[in-house]
């Protein structure tokens, strides 16, 4: 039985140059095209496929644009996790593959109404794609903010990755936490996300309410 390979798109040839240009174009389209914003906020799979198709391992084109858990593909039953930031010898798990599609459908229905760190956190917890989730997460954030008439800060970019341990740590802790322990990690996520927004959020401690 052949084991499907792990996948880290950034290790593929020409990744940085191609992704930098593709994401700059994507960001401009998000800002200018309401129909496209609606499309990716409804279903981000085509966006993921467009960004990552050329970086998939040979023989596994489904890695781009397919949710973990999709029946009849190599992602059926596919669990995913990551090393813990402060204990790299340990790992933590994202949502079970059987929960991905329903969880993401619910999250996307909510993001069209309001922009909260919980929605950003849940996308990371669900981790619907095998790789490339951060880029899709930021694209959805940009689309949702623009739909809600919240301006993006000039420093925001989908790529290069404006994503460091200030955000990775609370997102990890949100993913690992029991339901009654998640709220204070969302406050940390909110403060980071506000650095991506202009206007009334461009002030200390003005985070989007959890």
C-alpha atoms as a PDB file:
ATOM      1  CA  UNK A   1       0.000   0.000   0.000  1.00  0.00           C
ATOM      2  CA  UNK A   2       1.410   3.390  -1.041  1.00  0.00           C
ATOM      3  CA  UNK A   3       1.464   6.054   1.655  1.00  0.00           C
ATOM      4  CA  UNK A   4       0.459   9.498   0.420  1.00  0.00           C
ATOM      5  CA  UNK A   5       3.301  11.984   0.967  1.00  0.00           C
ATOM      6  CA  UNK A   6       3.356  14.872   3.380  1.00  0.00           C
ATOM      7  CA  UNK A   7       3.301  18.276   1.716  1.00  0.00           C
ATOM      8  CA  UNK A   8       4.940  21.617   2.366  1.00  0.00           C
ATOM      9  CA  UNK A   9       4.416  23.816  -0.661  1.00  0.00           C
ATOM     10  CA  UNK A  10       7.183  26.257   0.223  1.00  0.00           C
ATOM     11  CA  UNK A  11       9.815  23.577  -0.457  1.00  0.00           C
ATOM     12  CA  UNK A  12       8.851  23.379  -4.139  1.00  0.00           C
ATOM     13  CA  UNK A  13      10.915  25.143  -6.864  1.00  0.00           C
ATOM     14  CA  UNK A  14      10.120  28.819  -7.575  1.00  0.00           C
ATOM     15  CA  UNK A  15       7.616  28.970  -4.724  1.00  0.00           C
ATOM     16  CA  UNK A  16       8.600  32.414  -3.405  1.00  0.00           C
ATOM     17  CA  UNK A  17       8.676  34.209  -6.737  1.00  0.00           C
ATOM     18  CA  UNK A  18       5.457  32.664  -8.038  1.00  0.00           C
ATOM     19  CA  UNK A  19       3.524  33.076  -4.781  1.00  0.00           C
ATOM     20  CA  UNK A  20       4.622  36.685  -4.264  1.00  0.00           C
ATOM     21  CA  UNK A  21       3.281  37.694  -7.678  1.00  0.00           C
ATOM     22  CA  UNK A  22       0.138  35.548  -7.460  1.00  0.00           C
ATOM     23  CA  UNK A  23      -0.818  36.901  -4.044  1.00  0.00           C
ATOM     24  CA  UNK A  24      -0.210  40.519  -5.019  1.00  0.00           C
ATOM     25  CA  UNK A  25      -2.598  40.014  -7.937  1.00  0.00           C
ATOM     26  CA  UNK A  26      -5.053  38.190  -5.685  1.00  0.00           C
ATOM     27  CA  UNK A  27      -5.103  40.995  -3.133  1.00  0.00           C
ATOM     28  CA  UNK A  28      -5.872  43.595  -5.789  1.00  0.00           C
ATOM     29  CA  UNK A  29      -8.677  41.446  -7.161  1.00  0.00           C
ATOM     30  CA  UNK A  30     -10.156  41.006  -3.691  1.00  0.00           C
ATOM     31  CA  UNK A  31     -10.207  44.769  -3.202  1.00  0.00           C
ATOM     32  CA  UNK A  32     -11.720  45.518  -6.621  1.00  0.00           C
ATOM     33  CA  UNK A  33     -14.156  42.670  -7.368  1.00  0.00           C
ATOM     34  CA  UNK A  34     -17.217  42.159  -5.122  1.00  0.00           C
ATOM     35  CA  UNK A  35     -18.361  39.081  -7.060  1.00  0.00           C
ATOM     36  CA  UNK A  36     -14.978  37.440  -6.555  1.00  0.00           C
ATOM     37  CA  UNK A  37     -15.018  38.255  -2.836  1.00  0.00           C
ATOM     38  CA  UNK A  38     -18.398  36.579  -2.565  1.00  0.00           C
ATOM     39  CA  UNK A  39     -17.130  33.560  -4.492  1.00  0.00           C
ATOM     40  CA  UNK A  40     -14.132  32.866  -2.270  1.00  0.00           C
ATOM     41  CA  UNK A  41     -16.087  33.575   0.919  1.00  0.00           C
ATOM     42  CA  UNK A  42     -18.626  30.971  -0.181  1.00  0.00           C
ATOM     43  CA  UNK A  43     -16.107  28.283  -1.141  1.00  0.00           C
ATOM     44  CA  UNK A  44     -12.296  28.798  -1.032  1.00  0.00           C
ATOM     45  CA  UNK A  45     -11.389  25.555  -2.793  1.00  0.00           C
ATOM     46  CA  UNK A  46     -10.982  27.081  -6.270  1.00  0.00           C
ATOM     47  CA  UNK A  47      -8.783  29.790  -4.765  1.00  0.00           C
ATOM     48  CA  UNK A  48      -6.604  27.202  -3.052  1.00  0.00           C
ATOM     49  CA  UNK A  49      -6.333  25.246  -6.310  1.00  0.00           C
ATOM     50  CA  UNK A  50      -5.363  28.356  -8.272  1.00  0.00           C
ATOM     51  CA  UNK A  51      -2.606  29.272  -5.816  1.00  0.00           C
ATOM     52  CA  UNK A  52      -1.154  25.854  -5.107  1.00  0.00           C
ATOM     53  CA  UNK A  53      -1.799  23.537  -8.083  1.00  0.00           C
ATOM     54  CA  UNK A  54       1.715  23.921  -9.495  1.00  0.00           C
ATOM     55  CA  UNK A  55       3.301  23.116  -6.125  1.00  0.00           C
ATOM     56  CA  UNK A  56       1.632  19.775  -5.409  1.00  0.00           C
ATOM     57  CA  UNK A  57       3.726  16.585  -5.254  1.00  0.00           C
ATOM     58  CA  UNK A  58       3.839  14.585  -8.514  1.00  0.00           C
ATOM     59  CA  UNK A  59       0.800  12.329  -8.761  1.00  0.00           C
ATOM     60  CA  UNK A  60      -1.211  14.199  -6.106  1.00  0.00           C
ATOM     61  CA  UNK A  61      -3.006  17.084  -7.854  1.00  0.00           C
ATOM     62  CA  UNK A  62      -5.888  16.742  -5.376  1.00  0.00           C
ATOM     63  CA  UNK A  63      -3.722  18.299  -2.670  1.00  0.00           C
ATOM     64  CA  UNK A  64      -4.643  21.662  -4.212  1.00  0.00           C
ATOM     65  CA  UNK A  65      -8.301  22.612  -3.844  1.00  0.00           C
ATOM     66  CA  UNK A  66      -9.499  19.590  -1.866  1.00  0.00           C
ATOM     67  CA  UNK A  67     -10.530  19.501   1.783  1.00  0.00           C
ATOM     68  CA  UNK A  68      -9.045  16.990   4.152  1.00  0.00           C
ATOM     69  CA  UNK A  69     -11.537  14.159   4.572  1.00  0.00           C
ATOM     70  CA  UNK A  70     -12.852  14.262   0.992  1.00  0.00           C
ATOM     71  CA  UNK A  71     -14.078  10.777   0.129  1.00  0.00           C
ATOM     72  CA  UNK A  72     -12.462   8.982  -2.797  1.00  0.00           C
ATOM     73  CA  UNK A  73      -9.207  10.969  -2.633  1.00  0.00           C
ATOM     74  CA  UNK A  74      -5.890  10.531  -0.851  1.00  0.00           C
ATOM     75  CA  UNK A  75      -7.185  13.092   1.667  1.00  0.00           C
ATOM     76  CA  UNK A  76      -9.999  10.828   2.859  1.00  0.00           C
ATOM     77  CA  UNK A  77      -9.399  10.193   6.548  1.00  0.00           C
ATOM     78  CA  UNK A  78      -6.313  12.431   6.428  1.00  0.00           C
ATOM     79  CA  UNK A  79      -5.395  13.737   9.871  1.00  0.00           C
ATOM     80  CA  UNK A  80      -3.162  16.747  10.258  1.00  0.00           C
ATOM     81  CA  UNK A  81      -1.150  18.377  13.026  1.00  0.00           C
ATOM     82  CA  UNK A  82       1.881  20.528  13.734  1.00  0.00           C
ATOM     83  CA  UNK A  83       4.776  20.736  16.200  1.00  0.00           C
ATOM     84  CA  UNK A  84       4.054  22.739  19.330  1.00  0.00           C
ATOM     85  CA  UNK A  85       5.912  26.061  19.292  1.00  0.00           C
ATOM     86  CA  UNK A  86       7.363  25.811  22.789  1.00  0.00           C
ATOM     87  CA  UNK A  87       7.726  22.023  22.811  1.00  0.00           C
ATOM     88  CA  UNK A  88       8.768  21.117  19.256  1.00  0.00           C
ATOM     89  CA  UNK A  89       9.244  17.476  20.253  1.00  0.00           C
ATOM     90  CA  UNK A  90       5.467  17.339  20.807  1.00  0.00           C
ATOM     91  CA  UNK A  91       2.698  17.946  18.325  1.00  0.00           C
ATOM     92  CA  UNK A  92      -0.936  19.009  18.380  1.00  0.00           C
ATOM     93  CA  UNK A  93      -3.778  17.990  16.077  1.00  0.00           C
ATOM     94  CA  UNK A  94      -6.185  19.981  13.956  1.00  0.00           C
ATOM     95  CA  UNK A  95      -9.840  18.963  13.586  1.00  0.00           C
ATOM     96  CA  UNK A  96     -10.682  15.416  12.573  1.00  0.00           C
ATOM     97  CA  UNK A  97     -11.089  14.998   8.803  1.00  0.00           C
ATOM     98  CA  UNK A  98     -14.743  13.989   9.105  1.00  0.00           C
ATOM     99  CA  UNK A  99     -15.499  17.379  10.685  1.00  0.00           C
ATOM    100  CA  UNK A 100     -13.748  19.590   8.139  1.00  0.00           C
ATOM    101  CA  UNK A 101     -16.445  20.234   5.507  1.00  0.00           C
ATOM    102  CA  UNK A 102     -19.296  20.919   7.939  1.00  0.00           C
ATOM    103  CA  UNK A 103     -17.127  23.020  10.228  1.00  0.00           C
ATOM    104  CA  UNK A 104     -15.869  25.175   7.396  1.00  0.00           C
ATOM    105  CA  UNK A 105     -19.341  25.631   5.894  1.00  0.00           C
ATOM    106  CA  UNK A 106     -20.569  26.961   9.234  1.00  0.00           C
ATOM    107  CA  UNK A 107     -17.540  29.236   9.657  1.00  0.00           C
ATOM    108  CA  UNK A 108     -17.956  30.711   6.178  1.00  0.00           C
ATOM    109  CA  UNK A 109     -21.623  31.415   6.820  1.00  0.00           C
ATOM    110  CA  UNK A 110     -20.602  33.433   9.886  1.00  0.00           C
ATOM    111  CA  UNK A 111     -17.714  35.353   8.314  1.00  0.00           C
ATOM    112  CA  UNK A 112     -20.088  37.012   5.877  1.00  0.00           C
ATOM    113  CA  UNK A 113     -21.843  38.727   8.800  1.00  0.00           C
ATOM    114  CA  UNK A 114     -19.010  39.832  11.068  1.00  0.00           C
ATOM    115  CA  UNK A 115     -15.242  39.902  11.336  1.00  0.00           C
ATOM    116  CA  UNK A 116     -14.057  38.330  14.590  1.00  0.00           C
ATOM    117  CA  UNK A 117     -10.876  36.608  15.764  1.00  0.00           C
ATOM    118  CA  UNK A 118     -12.983  33.527  16.500  1.00  0.00           C
ATOM    119  CA  UNK A 119     -13.588  33.042  12.785  1.00  0.00           C
ATOM    120  CA  UNK A 120      -9.868  33.388  12.077  1.00  0.00           C
ATOM    121  CA  UNK A 121      -9.103  31.000  14.924  1.00  0.00           C
ATOM    122  CA  UNK A 122     -11.619  28.405  13.788  1.00  0.00           C
ATOM    123  CA  UNK A 123     -10.198  28.329  10.271  1.00  0.00           C
ATOM    124  CA  UNK A 124      -6.809  27.497  11.753  1.00  0.00           C
ATOM    125  CA  UNK A 125      -8.317  24.872  14.045  1.00  0.00           C
ATOM    126  CA  UNK A 126     -10.246  23.207  11.231  1.00  0.00           C
ATOM    127  CA  UNK A 127      -7.195  23.370   8.928  1.00  0.00           C
ATOM    128  CA  UNK A 128      -9.200  22.273   5.886  1.00  0.00           C
ATOM    129  CA  UNK A 129      -6.303  21.928   3.448  1.00  0.00           C
ATOM    130  CA  UNK A 130      -3.199  19.819   3.823  1.00  0.00           C
ATOM    131  CA  UNK A 131      -1.035  22.934   3.344  1.00  0.00           C
ATOM    132  CA  UNK A 132      -1.544  26.571   2.354  1.00  0.00           C
ATOM    133  CA  UNK A 133      -4.148  27.293   5.023  1.00  0.00           C
ATOM    134  CA  UNK A 134      -2.465  30.500   6.160  1.00  0.00           C
ATOM    135  CA  UNK A 135      -2.645  32.058   2.705  1.00  0.00           C
ATOM    136  CA  UNK A 136      -6.328  31.164   2.328  1.00  0.00           C
ATOM    137  CA  UNK A 137      -7.027  32.366   5.872  1.00  0.00           C
ATOM    138  CA  UNK A 138      -5.525  35.769   5.075  1.00  0.00           C
ATOM    139  CA  UNK A 139      -7.317  35.993   1.716  1.00  0.00           C
ATOM    140  CA  UNK A 140     -10.648  35.306   3.430  1.00  0.00           C
ATOM    141  CA  UNK A 141      -9.803  37.870   6.107  1.00  0.00           C
ATOM    142  CA  UNK A 142      -9.103  40.469   3.413  1.00  0.00           C
ATOM    143  CA  UNK A 143     -12.309  39.619   1.575  1.00  0.00           C
ATOM    144  CA  UNK A 144     -14.443  39.733   4.727  1.00  0.00           C
ATOM    145  CA  UNK A 145     -12.938  43.022   5.907  1.00  0.00           C
ATOM    146  CA  UNK A 146     -13.476  44.599   2.488  1.00  0.00           C
ATOM    147  CA  UNK A 147     -17.063  43.347   2.337  1.00  0.00           C
ATOM    148  CA  UNK A 148     -17.677  44.960   5.733  1.00  0.00           C
ATOM    149  CA  UNK A 149     -16.051  48.236   4.584  1.00  0.00           C
ATOM    150  CA  UNK A 150     -13.141  47.893   7.016  1.00  0.00           C
ATOM    151  CA  UNK A 151      -9.976  49.143   5.280  1.00  0.00           C
ATOM    152  CA  UNK A 152      -6.857  47.003   5.250  1.00  0.00           C
ATOM    153  CA  UNK A 153      -3.646  48.514   6.564  1.00  0.00           C
ATOM    154  CA  UNK A 154      -0.927  49.240   4.032  1.00  0.00           C
ATOM    155  CA  UNK A 155       1.330  46.671   5.721  1.00  0.00           C
ATOM    156  CA  UNK A 156      -1.115  43.797   5.125  1.00  0.00           C
ATOM    157  CA  UNK A 157      -0.097  41.188   2.561  1.00  0.00           C
ATOM    158  CA  UNK A 158      -1.289  37.694   1.757  1.00  0.00           C
ATOM    159  CA  UNK A 159       2.326  36.874   0.836  1.00  0.00           C
ATOM    160  CA  UNK A 160       5.078  37.324   1.985  1.00  0.00           C
ATOM    161  CA  UNK A 161       3.667  35.825   5.113  1.00  0.00           C
ATOM    162  CA  UNK A 162       2.807  38.429   7.784  1.00  0.00           C
ATOM    163  CA  UNK A 163       2.481  35.618  10.272  1.00  0.00           C
ATOM    164  CA  UNK A 164       4.874  35.081  13.151  1.00  0.00           C
ATOM    165  CA  UNK A 165       4.844  33.580  16.610  1.00  0.00           C
ATOM    166  CA  UNK A 166       2.863  36.507  18.009  1.00  0.00           C
ATOM    167  CA  UNK A 167      -0.081  35.061  16.075  1.00  0.00           C
ATOM    168  CA  UNK A 168       0.971  31.421  15.727  1.00  0.00           C
ATOM    169  CA  UNK A 169       1.139  30.862  19.477  1.00  0.00           C
ATOM    170  CA  UNK A 170      -2.408  32.050  20.399  1.00  0.00           C
ATOM    171  CA  UNK A 171      -3.798  30.210  17.372  1.00  0.00           C
ATOM    172  CA  UNK A 172      -2.070  27.036  18.520  1.00  0.00           C
ATOM    173  CA  UNK A 173      -3.372  27.504  22.056  1.00  0.00           C
ATOM    174  CA  UNK A 174      -6.891  28.175  20.751  1.00  0.00           C
ATOM    175  CA  UNK A 175      -6.707  24.916  18.792  1.00  0.00           C
ATOM    176  CA  UNK A 176      -5.494  22.939  21.803  1.00  0.00           C
ATOM    177  CA  UNK A 177      -7.660  24.585  24.476  1.00  0.00           C
ATOM    178  CA  UNK A 178     -10.838  23.256  26.043  1.00  0.00           C
ATOM    179  CA  UNK A 179     -13.940  25.240  25.000  1.00  0.00           C
ATOM    180  CA  UNK A 180     -14.059  27.226  28.255  1.00  0.00           C
ATOM    181  CA  UNK A 181     -10.394  28.236  27.920  1.00  0.00           C
ATOM    182  CA  UNK A 182     -10.379  29.694  24.402  1.00  0.00           C
ATOM    183  CA  UNK A 183     -11.588  33.243  25.013  1.00  0.00           C
ATOM    184  CA  UNK A 184      -8.402  34.895  26.285  1.00  0.00           C
ATOM    185  CA  UNK A 185      -6.390  33.483  23.380  1.00  0.00           C
ATOM    186  CA  UNK A 186      -8.853  35.157  21.020  1.00  0.00           C
ATOM    187  CA  UNK A 187      -8.073  38.523  22.616  1.00  0.00           C
ATOM    188  CA  UNK A 188      -4.425  38.001  21.649  1.00  0.00           C
ATOM    189  CA  UNK A 189      -5.455  37.029  18.115  1.00  0.00           C
ATOM    190  CA  UNK A 190      -7.638  40.143  17.905  1.00  0.00           C
ATOM    191  CA  UNK A 191      -4.802  42.481  18.825  1.00  0.00           C
ATOM    192  CA  UNK A 192      -2.604  40.976  16.116  1.00  0.00           C
ATOM    193  CA  UNK A 193      -5.337  41.076  13.472  1.00  0.00           C
ATOM    194  CA  UNK A 194      -5.869  44.774  14.155  1.00  0.00           C
ATOM    195  CA  UNK A 195      -2.349  45.439  12.880  1.00  0.00           C
ATOM    196  CA  UNK A 196      -3.736  44.377   9.480  1.00  0.00           C
ATOM    197  CA  UNK A 197      -6.569  46.918   9.588  1.00  0.00           C
ATOM    198  CA  UNK A 198      -6.647  50.687   9.191  1.00  0.00           C
ATOM    199  CA  UNK A 199      -9.254  53.179  10.340  1.00  0.00           C
ATOM    200  CA  UNK A 200     -10.749  52.813  13.827  1.00  0.00           C
ATOM    201  CA  UNK A 201      -8.824  49.594  14.554  1.00  0.00           C
ATOM    202  CA  UNK A 202      -5.438  51.252  14.100  1.00  0.00           C
ATOM    203  CA  UNK A 203      -5.131  52.046  17.816  1.00  0.00           C
ATOM    204  CA  UNK A 204      -3.653  50.172  20.799  1.00  0.00           C
ATOM    205  CA  UNK A 205      -6.057  47.717  22.455  1.00  0.00           C
ATOM    206  CA  UNK A 206      -8.756  48.366  19.876  1.00  0.00           C
ATOM    207  CA  UNK A 207      -9.103  44.696  18.979  1.00  0.00           C
ATOM    208  CA  UNK A 208     -12.090  43.288  17.180  1.00  0.00           C
ATOM    209  CA  UNK A 209     -14.366  42.034  19.932  1.00  0.00           C
ATOM    210  CA  UNK A 210     -14.099  38.240  20.420  1.00  0.00           C
END
